[in-house]
């Protein structure tokens, strides 16, 4: 329940970590509305305009654009990364500062398979001229104030970048080793998160040249990816304290010690999935398995539009259970499908009020309902394109967005009255995530109307309350538009790591199995739960 799926059990009383992460991501993305409008995805989800994104990158690195919108987006991005994210980190970590790196612009986004093929020497020789070497090892020793020997400094730079290279090609399995920096650089706790920013590009053209050869050239995705990475870490600290790994390990040992090993392992596996810690050192077999799985998904995903038509049925029964006006929920879904304009307005409203912009990412979101698309290159893109061509992506987004909008409309109506006036089903929803009468005044202050939709704006809520509301809205949307959940993926992956031979073998064997497993873990689990206060 603490990790994922508290909406299944009415006694849970917590906002699970996966929805807490969704809430943090939504909060950060809401501040970049102009970014999504200015750089929409191309047809079939192919990359955004490269020329337009090049101008944005150069502007973020300090160049002034002739386009006022680009300058505004650059300003919003810098405010998000240097102010909003840093402040929330400080609050979550109990006061620990992230040392701000002056003029840091955009997170690097590598393609490990390309860099692995190039080899260290080629990668090092190229990147050596593209980055600020003084940000790797300064010319003046920060501990003594004395100049460093140029030859010795160059040797340390190469050794540190070798560690960065190993971290990239192992896809995070090998950690960056900064011990060689300690004699020359202040390594106080405030410098946490400096490791992943060791590579500090000189300017926009240098950043772009690196990514054109070794990384992801959808720079908007790179920006969103940074916000999502920080959202995971901040959400984990907000929920479990400044050292979430330590707390989760303690919970694991406590549950295991009580004799419930399976529950302990499921919780730990779910945590690793949410935090992106389920990655192992990539193997040749793992890469082949990823490729084969993506081809299989691409070949079969088109037919998934047939079972997806049941979304109208699941929307109705979920809305009835939630007291979210089932007939209106179904009609809203149909209206969303029929009207491109309505879909656009709804997405803007959801983005602006903190409910995430899944649709803005370059990878098709709907494929994840039935299988996990991983890896790089043509086969991953093939699975994406087939998902979009089949109509599954549009269908899924339309029904998911409409259910969220309908849920928020009802909750907006509820917030106009007192907590005591809530229906039995409404109180049941609040109990599941621990939302009480003490929270109600803050909930009422979130009422807003955006793009013609009555909603609750969680960007103005405290992190905990935002997580509770997002848990209701997005948690129930998983019932209305069924998809693979963190819990179902954790069960079917048995704690194995992505990229390894064993991990990829398991994922290949279980392809398309996570969807029916999720059905068991959501609707059937809810229907057979003993002691639930409502007839299922």
Protein backbone atom coordinates (compact mmCIF):
# COMPACT_ATOMS: atom_id res chain seq x y z
CA UNK A 1 0.00 0.00 0.00
CA UNK A 2 2.86 2.40 0.76
CA UNK A 3 4.38 1.81 -2.69
CA UNK A 4 1.47 1.25 -5.06
CA UNK A 5 -2.19 0.31 -5.16
CA UNK A 6 -3.76 1.72 -2.00
CA UNK A 7 -6.89 2.50 -4.04
CA UNK A 8 -7.62 -1.23 -4.02
CA UNK A 9 -7.90 -1.53 -0.25
CA UNK A 10 -10.26 0.80 1.57
CA UNK A 11 -8.29 0.41 4.83
CA UNK A 12 -4.97 1.55 3.35
CA UNK A 13 -5.30 5.19 4.37
CA UNK A 14 -2.17 6.31 2.55
CA UNK A 15 -1.16 8.01 -0.67
CA UNK A 16 1.19 5.46 -2.30
CA UNK A 17 4.67 6.42 -3.49
CA UNK A 18 3.92 5.98 -7.21
CA UNK A 19 1.12 8.56 -7.02
CA UNK A 20 3.24 10.84 -4.82
CA UNK A 21 5.79 10.78 -7.66
CA UNK A 22 3.04 11.52 -10.20
CA UNK A 23 2.00 14.49 -8.10
CA UNK A 24 5.54 15.92 -7.98
CA UNK A 25 6.02 15.39 -11.72
CA UNK A 26 2.72 17.12 -12.42
CA UNK A 27 3.68 20.06 -10.25
CA UNK A 28 6.93 20.55 -12.14
CA UNK A 29 5.39 20.08 -15.60
CA UNK A 30 2.66 22.62 -14.84
CA UNK A 31 5.32 25.32 -14.83
CA UNK A 32 6.32 24.45 -18.40
CA UNK A 33 2.95 24.82 -20.14
CA UNK A 34 4.43 27.12 -22.78
CA UNK A 35 7.11 24.53 -23.55
CA UNK A 36 4.53 21.88 -24.49
CA UNK A 37 2.53 24.31 -26.59
CA UNK A 38 5.55 25.63 -28.47
CA UNK A 39 7.11 22.24 -29.21
CA UNK A 40 4.36 19.68 -29.89
CA UNK A 41 5.14 16.18 -31.08
CA UNK A 42 5.16 15.58 -34.82
CA UNK A 43 2.98 13.07 -36.63
CA UNK A 44 3.08 9.52 -35.26
CA UNK A 45 5.08 10.79 -32.29
CA UNK A 46 8.25 11.49 -34.24
CA UNK A 47 10.63 14.09 -32.89
CA UNK A 48 9.70 17.71 -32.59
CA UNK A 49 11.18 20.29 -34.93
CA UNK A 50 14.96 19.98 -34.53
CA UNK A 51 15.64 23.53 -35.70
CA UNK A 52 13.18 25.00 -33.19
CA UNK A 53 14.61 22.94 -30.34
CA UNK A 54 18.16 23.98 -31.29
CA UNK A 55 17.18 27.61 -30.77
CA UNK A 56 15.68 26.76 -27.38
CA UNK A 57 18.85 24.97 -26.23
CA UNK A 58 21.05 27.89 -27.26
CA UNK A 59 18.75 30.29 -25.41
CA UNK A 60 18.85 28.21 -22.22
CA UNK A 61 22.64 28.34 -22.42
CA UNK A 62 22.49 32.13 -22.43
CA UNK A 63 21.90 33.29 -26.00
CA UNK A 64 19.06 35.80 -26.45
CA UNK A 65 16.44 34.71 -28.98
CA UNK A 66 14.48 36.96 -31.32
CA UNK A 67 11.41 34.92 -30.33
CA UNK A 68 9.95 36.27 -27.08
CA UNK A 69 8.21 32.92 -26.40
CA UNK A 70 11.54 31.07 -26.48
CA UNK A 71 13.04 33.58 -24.05
CA UNK A 72 10.06 33.13 -21.72
CA UNK A 73 10.35 29.34 -21.85
CA UNK A 74 14.06 29.57 -21.09
CA UNK A 75 13.31 31.80 -18.11
CA UNK A 76 10.60 29.41 -16.85
CA UNK A 77 12.99 26.45 -17.17
CA UNK A 78 15.74 28.19 -15.23
CA UNK A 79 13.25 29.20 -12.53
CA UNK A 80 12.02 25.59 -12.27
CA UNK A 81 15.48 24.03 -12.03
CA UNK A 82 17.25 26.66 -9.94
CA UNK A 83 14.38 27.66 -7.64
CA UNK A 84 11.29 25.41 -7.52
CA UNK A 85 13.06 22.04 -7.56
CA UNK A 86 15.89 23.13 -5.28
CA UNK A 87 13.51 24.62 -2.69
CA UNK A 88 11.31 21.54 -2.61
CA UNK A 89 14.42 19.35 -2.28
CA UNK A 90 15.58 21.40 0.72
CA UNK A 91 12.18 21.06 2.41
CA UNK A 92 12.02 17.31 1.73
CA UNK A 93 15.56 16.58 2.86
CA UNK A 94 15.21 18.36 6.18
CA UNK A 95 17.28 21.36 5.17
CA UNK A 96 20.05 19.74 3.11
CA UNK A 97 21.02 22.09 0.29
CA UNK A 98 21.85 21.11 -3.29
CA UNK A 99 24.87 23.18 -4.19
CA UNK A 100 23.77 25.29 -7.14
CA UNK A 101 25.98 24.98 -10.21
CA UNK A 102 26.18 28.38 -11.83
CA UNK A 103 24.96 28.47 -15.43
CA UNK A 104 23.94 24.78 -15.41
CA UNK A 105 21.49 24.40 -18.29
CA UNK A 106 20.04 21.02 -19.31
CA UNK A 107 20.62 17.50 -18.10
CA UNK A 108 22.61 15.22 -20.36
CA UNK A 109 20.64 12.35 -21.94
CA UNK A 110 22.87 9.58 -23.28
CA UNK A 111 22.31 6.63 -25.59
CA UNK A 112 24.33 3.91 -23.81
CA UNK A 113 24.33 1.50 -26.76
CA UNK A 114 25.84 4.17 -29.06
CA UNK A 115 28.50 5.14 -26.52
CA UNK A 116 29.27 1.49 -25.78
CA UNK A 117 29.82 0.85 -29.49
CA UNK A 118 32.03 3.95 -29.85
CA UNK A 119 34.25 2.94 -26.94
CA UNK A 120 35.82 5.07 -24.24
CA UNK A 121 38.64 6.62 -26.29
CA UNK A 122 36.35 7.99 -29.01
CA UNK A 123 33.79 9.21 -26.50
CA UNK A 124 36.47 10.83 -24.32
CA UNK A 125 38.24 12.55 -27.19
CA UNK A 126 34.98 14.07 -28.44
CA UNK A 127 33.55 15.15 -25.10
CA UNK A 128 36.88 16.51 -23.84
CA UNK A 129 36.55 19.54 -26.13
CA UNK A 130 32.81 20.04 -25.55
CA UNK A 131 32.68 20.44 -21.77
CA UNK A 132 33.90 22.80 -19.09
CA UNK A 133 36.87 20.87 -17.70
CA UNK A 134 37.08 23.30 -14.78
CA UNK A 135 33.69 21.94 -13.67
CA UNK A 136 35.14 18.42 -13.56
CA UNK A 137 38.42 19.33 -11.80
CA UNK A 138 39.08 23.02 -11.03
CA UNK A 139 42.40 24.64 -11.87
CA UNK A 140 42.65 25.84 -8.26
CA UNK A 141 42.42 23.30 -5.43
CA UNK A 142 39.23 24.22 -3.54
CA UNK A 143 40.63 22.75 -0.31
CA UNK A 144 44.07 24.44 -0.31
CA UNK A 145 43.63 27.39 -2.67
CA UNK A 146 46.75 26.38 -4.62
CA UNK A 147 46.98 25.81 -8.42
CA UNK A 148 46.93 22.18 -9.57
CA UNK A 149 49.66 20.62 -11.64
CA UNK A 150 48.24 20.62 -15.24
CA UNK A 151 49.49 17.09 -16.02
CA UNK A 152 48.15 15.64 -12.78
CA UNK A 153 44.86 17.52 -13.25
CA UNK A 154 44.41 16.08 -16.76
CA UNK A 155 45.02 12.56 -15.41
CA UNK A 156 42.35 13.05 -12.74
CA UNK A 157 39.91 14.41 -15.33
CA UNK A 158 40.40 11.34 -17.51
CA UNK A 159 39.97 8.99 -14.57
CA UNK A 160 36.76 10.68 -13.44
CA UNK A 161 35.35 10.74 -16.97
CA UNK A 162 36.22 7.06 -17.30
CA UNK A 163 33.97 6.47 -14.28
CA UNK A 164 31.23 8.56 -15.93
CA UNK A 165 31.63 6.46 -19.09
CA UNK A 166 31.27 3.21 -17.11
CA UNK A 167 28.16 4.58 -15.43
CA UNK A 168 26.63 5.40 -18.83
CA UNK A 169 27.40 2.14 -20.63
CA UNK A 170 26.26 0.05 -17.64
CA UNK A 171 23.01 2.07 -17.63
CA UNK A 172 23.51 3.10 -14.02
CA UNK A 173 24.57 -0.29 -12.65
CA UNK A 174 28.09 1.07 -12.08
CA UNK A 175 28.07 4.18 -9.92
CA UNK A 176 30.17 7.28 -10.64
CA UNK A 177 33.28 7.24 -8.45
CA UNK A 178 34.26 10.73 -7.29
CA UNK A 179 36.84 9.69 -4.70
CA UNK A 180 39.67 10.98 -6.89
CA UNK A 181 38.12 14.44 -6.70
CA UNK A 182 38.16 14.70 -2.93
CA UNK A 183 41.70 16.08 -2.56
CA UNK A 184 40.79 18.94 -4.94
CA UNK A 185 37.05 19.62 -4.57
CA UNK A 186 34.83 20.35 -1.56
CA UNK A 187 32.65 17.23 -1.15
CA UNK A 188 30.30 18.53 1.54
CA UNK A 189 26.78 17.09 1.74
CA UNK A 190 25.54 20.22 0.01
CA UNK A 191 27.21 19.01 -3.16
CA UNK A 192 24.91 16.04 -3.45
CA UNK A 193 23.58 15.80 -7.00
CA UNK A 194 26.76 17.35 -8.34
CA UNK A 195 27.90 13.92 -9.62
CA UNK A 196 25.39 13.69 -12.47
CA UNK A 197 26.30 17.24 -13.51
CA UNK A 198 30.05 16.66 -13.73
CA UNK A 199 29.72 17.05 -17.48
CA UNK A 200 28.94 20.73 -17.91
CA UNK A 201 28.77 21.76 -21.57
CA UNK A 202 30.45 24.96 -22.73
CA UNK A 203 27.46 26.25 -24.68
CA UNK A 204 24.39 25.29 -26.69
CA UNK A 205 26.28 24.14 -29.83
CA UNK A 206 28.50 21.89 -27.67
CA UNK A 207 25.48 20.35 -25.96
CA UNK A 208 23.80 19.76 -29.31
CA UNK A 209 26.92 18.32 -30.96
CA UNK A 210 27.28 15.79 -28.13
CA UNK A 211 23.68 14.66 -28.33
CA UNK A 212 23.67 14.45 -32.12
CA UNK A 213 26.42 11.83 -31.80
CA UNK A 214 25.86 10.21 -28.42
CA UNK A 215 22.46 11.17 -26.99
CA UNK A 216 18.77 11.88 -27.32
CA UNK A 217 18.11 14.84 -29.62
CA UNK A 218 14.56 15.42 -28.39
CA UNK A 219 15.68 18.15 -26.01
CA UNK A 220 12.19 18.69 -24.64
CA UNK A 221 12.18 15.05 -23.50
CA UNK A 222 15.56 15.67 -21.87
CA UNK A 223 14.12 18.59 -19.94
CA UNK A 224 11.06 16.64 -18.82
CA UNK A 225 13.30 13.71 -17.90
CA UNK A 226 15.30 15.85 -15.49
CA UNK A 227 12.16 17.06 -13.74
CA UNK A 228 10.84 13.50 -13.48
CA UNK A 229 14.13 12.22 -12.06
CA UNK A 230 14.13 14.88 -9.35
CA UNK A 231 10.42 14.29 -8.68
CA UNK A 232 11.12 10.65 -7.79
CA UNK A 233 13.83 11.53 -5.30
CA UNK A 234 11.89 14.40 -3.74
CA UNK A 235 8.67 12.36 -3.45
CA UNK A 236 10.54 9.47 -1.79
CA UNK A 237 12.05 11.87 0.77
CA UNK A 238 8.71 13.58 1.41
CA UNK A 239 7.10 10.22 2.10
CA UNK A 240 9.87 8.30 3.88
CA UNK A 241 12.23 10.99 5.17
CA UNK A 242 15.69 12.25 4.13
CA UNK A 243 17.08 8.71 3.67
CA UNK A 244 14.28 6.81 1.92
CA UNK A 245 16.42 3.82 0.89
CA UNK A 246 17.32 3.21 4.54
CA UNK A 247 13.69 3.49 5.68
CA UNK A 248 12.38 1.20 2.92
CA UNK A 249 15.05 -1.39 3.76
CA UNK A 250 13.99 -1.22 7.41
CA UNK A 251 10.34 -1.75 6.42
CA UNK A 252 11.39 -4.68 4.23
CA UNK A 253 13.22 -6.34 7.15
CA UNK A 254 10.30 -5.69 9.51
CA UNK A 255 7.74 -7.25 7.15
CA UNK A 256 10.07 -10.14 6.30
CA UNK A 257 10.74 -10.69 10.01
CA UNK A 258 7.00 -10.93 10.60
CA UNK A 259 6.97 -13.93 8.26
CA UNK A 260 5.49 -12.24 5.19
CA UNK A 261 8.43 -12.62 2.80
CA UNK A 262 6.32 -12.36 -0.36
CA UNK A 263 4.81 -9.03 0.70
CA UNK A 264 8.26 -7.73 1.66
CA UNK A 265 9.72 -8.67 -1.72
CA UNK A 266 6.76 -7.22 -3.62
CA UNK A 267 7.11 -3.94 -1.74
CA UNK A 268 10.86 -3.75 -2.36
CA UNK A 269 10.48 -4.67 -6.04
CA UNK A 270 7.79 -2.01 -6.44
CA UNK A 271 10.04 0.59 -4.80
CA UNK A 272 12.93 -0.28 -7.13
CA UNK A 273 10.63 0.01 -10.16
CA UNK A 274 9.30 3.40 -9.10
CA UNK A 275 12.77 4.77 -8.35
CA UNK A 276 14.35 3.35 -11.53
CA UNK A 277 16.65 1.12 -9.51
CA UNK A 278 15.70 -2.05 -11.37
CA UNK A 279 18.46 -1.64 -13.98
CA UNK A 280 21.35 -4.08 -14.23
CA UNK A 281 24.49 -4.13 -16.33
CA UNK A 282 23.36 -4.54 -19.92
CA UNK A 283 24.26 -7.74 -21.73
CA UNK A 284 24.26 -8.70 -25.39
CA UNK A 285 21.46 -11.18 -24.74
CA UNK A 286 19.50 -8.46 -22.94
CA UNK A 287 19.77 -6.15 -25.96
CA UNK A 288 18.65 -8.92 -28.32
CA UNK A 289 15.71 -9.77 -26.05
CA UNK A 290 14.67 -6.09 -25.91
CA UNK A 291 14.73 -5.91 -29.70
CA UNK A 292 12.71 -9.10 -30.13
CA UNK A 293 10.16 -8.00 -27.55
CA UNK A 294 9.66 -4.61 -29.17
CA UNK A 295 9.06 -6.26 -32.56
CA UNK A 296 6.53 -8.63 -30.98
CA UNK A 297 4.74 -5.72 -29.31
CA UNK A 298 4.72 -3.74 -32.55
CA UNK A 299 3.27 -6.69 -34.47
CA UNK A 300 0.51 -7.41 -31.97
CA UNK A 301 -0.34 -4.08 -30.33
CA UNK A 302 -2.70 -3.05 -33.13
CA UNK A 303 -5.21 -5.71 -32.12
CA UNK A 304 -5.24 -4.36 -28.56
CA UNK A 305 -7.70 -1.71 -29.68
CA UNK A 306 -10.37 -4.44 -29.56
CA UNK A 307 -10.16 -5.20 -25.79
CA UNK A 308 -9.63 -1.46 -25.21
CA UNK A 309 -13.22 -0.87 -26.32
CA UNK A 310 -14.23 -2.21 -22.90
CA UNK A 311 -12.99 1.09 -21.44
CA UNK A 312 -16.52 2.49 -21.68
CA UNK A 313 -17.80 -0.38 -19.51
CA UNK A 314 -14.98 -0.07 -16.94
CA UNK A 315 -15.45 3.71 -16.87
CA UNK A 316 -19.12 3.25 -16.01
CA UNK A 317 -18.63 0.71 -13.20
CA UNK A 318 -15.68 2.63 -11.71
CA UNK A 319 -17.58 5.92 -11.78
CA UNK A 320 -20.56 4.21 -10.14
CA UNK A 321 -18.33 2.81 -7.39
CA UNK A 322 -16.70 6.23 -6.87
CA UNK A 323 -19.99 8.19 -7.04
CA UNK A 324 -18.50 10.07 -10.00
CA UNK A 325 -21.72 10.20 -12.09
CA UNK A 326 -21.29 7.13 -14.36
CA UNK A 327 -23.51 8.26 -17.26
CA UNK A 328 -21.73 11.60 -17.44
CA UNK A 329 -18.37 9.83 -17.26
CA UNK A 330 -19.17 7.64 -20.29
CA UNK A 331 -20.63 10.52 -22.29
CA UNK A 332 -17.54 12.62 -21.49
CA UNK A 333 -15.31 9.85 -22.81
CA UNK A 334 -17.27 9.69 -26.06
CA UNK A 335 -17.21 13.47 -26.38
CA UNK A 336 -13.45 13.46 -25.86
CA UNK A 337 -13.01 10.91 -28.63
CA UNK A 338 -15.17 12.89 -31.02
CA UNK A 339 -13.71 16.34 -30.43
CA UNK A 340 -10.06 17.21 -31.01
CA UNK A 341 -10.72 20.68 -29.61
CA UNK A 342 -12.17 19.25 -26.38
CA UNK A 343 -9.19 16.91 -25.99
CA UNK A 344 -6.82 19.84 -26.41
CA UNK A 345 -8.62 22.00 -23.86
CA UNK A 346 -8.81 19.11 -21.41
CA UNK A 347 -5.10 18.38 -21.69
CA UNK A 348 -4.25 22.03 -21.09
CA UNK A 349 -6.46 22.09 -18.03
CA UNK A 350 -4.93 18.89 -16.60
CA UNK A 351 -1.38 20.07 -17.29
CA UNK A 352 -1.97 23.53 -15.81
CA UNK A 353 -3.45 22.15 -12.57
CA UNK A 354 -0.77 19.52 -11.89
CA UNK A 355 -2.03 16.22 -13.36
CA UNK A 356 0.89 15.61 -15.75
CA UNK A 357 1.33 15.73 -19.50
CA UNK A 358 1.95 12.09 -20.43
CA UNK A 359 0.94 12.87 -23.98
CA UNK A 360 3.85 15.32 -24.42
CA UNK A 361 6.53 12.65 -24.14
CA UNK A 362 7.85 11.24 -27.39
CA UNK A 363 7.08 7.60 -26.55
CA UNK A 364 3.51 6.42 -27.03
CA UNK A 365 1.90 6.15 -23.61
CA UNK A 366 -0.79 3.62 -24.48
CA UNK A 367 1.56 0.71 -25.25
CA UNK A 368 2.39 0.53 -21.53
CA UNK A 369 -1.18 -0.66 -20.88
CA UNK A 370 -0.30 -4.09 -22.24
CA UNK A 371 3.49 -4.43 -22.40
CA UNK A 372 6.76 -2.70 -21.55
CA UNK A 373 8.52 -1.05 -24.49
CA UNK A 374 12.23 -0.66 -23.68
CA UNK A 375 15.54 -0.21 -25.44
CA UNK A 376 16.55 2.12 -28.21
CA UNK A 377 16.44 2.68 -31.90
CA UNK A 378 14.21 1.41 -34.65
CA UNK A 379 12.43 -1.41 -32.82
CA UNK A 380 11.32 0.78 -29.91
CA UNK A 381 10.14 3.39 -32.44
CA UNK A 382 8.37 0.66 -34.43
CA UNK A 383 6.33 -0.37 -31.37
CA UNK A 384 5.52 3.30 -30.79
CA UNK A 385 4.37 3.95 -34.34
CA UNK A 386 2.19 0.86 -34.46
CA UNK A 387 0.52 1.93 -31.20
CA UNK A 388 -0.34 5.29 -32.72
CA UNK A 389 -1.38 3.92 -36.13
CA UNK A 390 -3.78 1.46 -34.50
CA UNK A 391 -5.62 4.32 -32.80
CA UNK A 392 -4.88 2.84 -29.37
CA UNK A 393 -2.90 5.86 -28.22
CA UNK A 394 -5.62 8.37 -29.10
CA UNK A 395 -8.31 6.11 -27.61
CA UNK A 396 -6.43 5.61 -24.34
CA UNK A 397 -5.55 9.28 -23.88
CA UNK A 398 -9.13 10.36 -24.63
CA UNK A 399 -10.67 8.02 -22.05
CA UNK A 400 -8.02 8.62 -19.38
CA UNK A 401 -8.23 12.39 -19.71
CA UNK A 402 -12.02 12.39 -19.68
CA UNK A 403 -12.20 10.23 -16.53
CA UNK A 404 -9.80 12.52 -14.71
CA UNK A 405 -11.71 15.60 -15.82
CA UNK A 406 -15.03 14.07 -14.76
CA UNK A 407 -13.59 13.01 -11.38
CA UNK A 408 -12.23 16.50 -10.79
CA UNK A 409 -15.54 18.05 -11.78
CA UNK A 410 -17.34 15.97 -9.14
CA UNK A 411 -14.67 16.67 -6.50
CA UNK A 412 -14.93 20.39 -7.31
CA UNK A 413 -18.66 20.08 -6.60
CA UNK A 414 -18.01 18.19 -3.36
CA UNK A 415 -15.51 20.83 -2.23
CA UNK A 416 -18.28 23.41 -2.48
CA UNK A 417 -19.88 21.81 0.57
CA UNK A 418 -18.69 20.43 3.90
CA UNK A 419 -16.78 17.19 4.52
CA UNK A 420 -19.73 15.86 6.52
CA UNK A 421 -21.96 16.23 3.44
CA UNK A 422 -19.94 13.73 1.42
CA UNK A 423 -21.74 10.59 0.33
CA UNK A 424 -20.71 7.22 1.74
CA UNK A 425 -18.85 6.46 -1.46
CA UNK A 426 -17.17 9.86 -1.41
CA UNK A 427 -16.00 9.30 2.18
CA UNK A 428 -14.76 5.86 1.16
CA UNK A 429 -12.51 7.47 -1.46
CA UNK A 430 -11.12 9.94 1.08
CA UNK A 431 -10.47 7.19 3.63
CA UNK A 432 -8.41 5.18 1.16
CA UNK A 433 -5.78 7.89 0.87
CA UNK A 434 -6.07 9.32 4.39
CA UNK A 435 -7.79 12.57 3.38
CA UNK A 436 -9.71 13.80 6.44
CA UNK A 437 -11.96 16.63 7.59
CA UNK A 438 -8.82 18.45 8.76
CA UNK A 439 -7.71 18.70 5.11
CA UNK A 440 -11.04 19.96 3.80
CA UNK A 441 -10.49 23.70 4.12
CA UNK A 442 -7.30 23.38 2.04
CA UNK A 443 -9.17 21.23 -0.51
CA UNK A 444 -11.86 23.89 -0.83
CA UNK A 445 -9.21 26.54 -1.55
CA UNK A 446 -8.07 24.53 -4.60
CA UNK A 447 -11.32 24.97 -6.56
CA UNK A 448 -10.75 26.52 -9.99
CA UNK A 449 -12.10 26.57 -13.55
CA UNK A 450 -9.65 26.01 -16.40
CA UNK A 451 -10.53 25.89 -20.11
CA UNK A 452 -14.19 25.50 -19.14
CA UNK A 453 -13.59 22.57 -16.75
CA UNK A 454 -14.25 22.79 -13.00
CA UNK A 455 -11.26 21.26 -11.20
CA UNK A 456 -9.01 21.18 -8.14
CA UNK A 457 -5.61 22.82 -8.71
CA UNK A 458 -3.10 20.66 -6.83
CA UNK A 459 -0.18 22.90 -7.81
CA UNK A 460 -1.39 25.16 -4.99
CA UNK A 461 -1.64 22.36 -2.41
CA UNK A 462 0.92 21.09 0.07
CA UNK A 463 2.91 18.10 -1.28
CA UNK A 464 1.06 15.64 0.97
CA UNK A 465 -2.43 16.88 0.11
CA UNK A 466 -1.54 17.04 -3.59
CA UNK A 467 -0.38 13.40 -3.41
CA UNK A 468 -3.68 12.37 -1.78
CA UNK A 469 -5.82 14.09 -4.42
CA UNK A 470 -3.71 12.78 -7.30
CA UNK A 471 -3.96 9.30 -5.73
CA UNK A 472 -7.75 9.51 -5.93
CA UNK A 473 -7.90 10.92 -9.45
CA UNK A 474 -5.17 8.88 -11.10
CA UNK A 475 -5.62 5.82 -8.92
CA UNK A 476 -9.27 5.50 -9.92
CA UNK A 477 -8.41 6.22 -13.56
CA UNK A 478 -6.41 2.95 -13.55
CA UNK A 479 -9.69 1.17 -12.75
CA UNK A 480 -11.63 3.10 -15.42
CA UNK A 481 -9.00 2.63 -18.14
CA UNK A 482 -7.16 -0.54 -17.07
CA UNK A 483 -3.41 -0.66 -17.57
CA UNK A 484 -0.34 -2.40 -16.20
CA UNK A 485 0.39 -1.14 -12.70
CA UNK A 486 3.61 -0.92 -10.71
CA UNK A 487 2.40 -3.78 -8.54
CA UNK A 488 1.61 -6.08 -11.48
CA UNK A 489 4.97 -5.36 -13.13
CA UNK A 490 6.78 -5.97 -9.84
CA UNK A 491 5.01 -9.31 -9.41
CA UNK A 492 5.83 -10.50 -12.93
CA UNK A 493 9.47 -9.37 -12.97
CA UNK A 494 10.38 -11.24 -9.78
CA UNK A 495 12.95 -8.66 -8.71
CA UNK A 496 15.09 -9.12 -11.84
CA UNK A 497 16.92 -6.17 -13.39
CA UNK A 498 16.28 -4.70 -16.82
CA UNK A 499 19.12 -5.24 -19.30
CA UNK A 500 20.46 -8.42 -17.71
CA UNK A 501 20.04 -11.82 -19.37
CA UNK A 502 17.72 -13.10 -16.63
CA UNK A 503 15.75 -9.89 -16.42
CA UNK A 504 15.14 -9.69 -20.15
CA UNK A 505 14.24 -13.39 -20.37
CA UNK A 506 11.56 -12.87 -17.69
CA UNK A 507 10.24 -9.74 -19.38
CA UNK A 508 10.04 -11.47 -22.75
CA UNK A 509 8.23 -14.47 -21.27
CA UNK A 510 5.76 -12.18 -19.49
CA UNK A 511 5.06 -9.81 -22.38
CA UNK A 512 1.31 -8.91 -22.44
CA UNK A 513 0.81 -10.68 -19.07
CA UNK A 514 0.89 -7.55 -16.90
CA UNK A 515 -2.52 -6.34 -18.16
CA UNK A 516 -4.57 -9.36 -17.02
CA UNK A 517 -2.56 -9.44 -13.79
CA UNK A 518 -3.50 -5.81 -13.18
CA UNK A 519 -7.16 -6.70 -13.67
CA UNK A 520 -6.83 -9.29 -10.91
CA UNK A 521 -5.05 -6.82 -8.65
CA UNK A 522 -7.58 -4.01 -9.22
CA UNK A 523 -11.19 -4.91 -10.03
CA UNK A 524 -11.18 -8.50 -8.73
CA UNK A 525 -9.21 -7.55 -5.62
CA UNK A 526 -11.69 -4.76 -4.91
CA UNK A 527 -14.67 -7.04 -5.54
CA UNK A 528 -13.50 -9.75 -3.13
CA UNK A 529 -12.05 -7.58 -0.40
CA UNK A 530 -13.41 -8.72 2.95
CA UNK A 531 -14.93 -6.14 5.23
CA UNK A 532 -15.17 -3.38 2.64
CA UNK A 533 -17.80 -0.80 3.63
CA UNK A 534 -19.51 -0.84 0.24
CA UNK A 535 -21.12 -3.60 -1.80
CA UNK A 536 -18.80 -4.23 -4.72
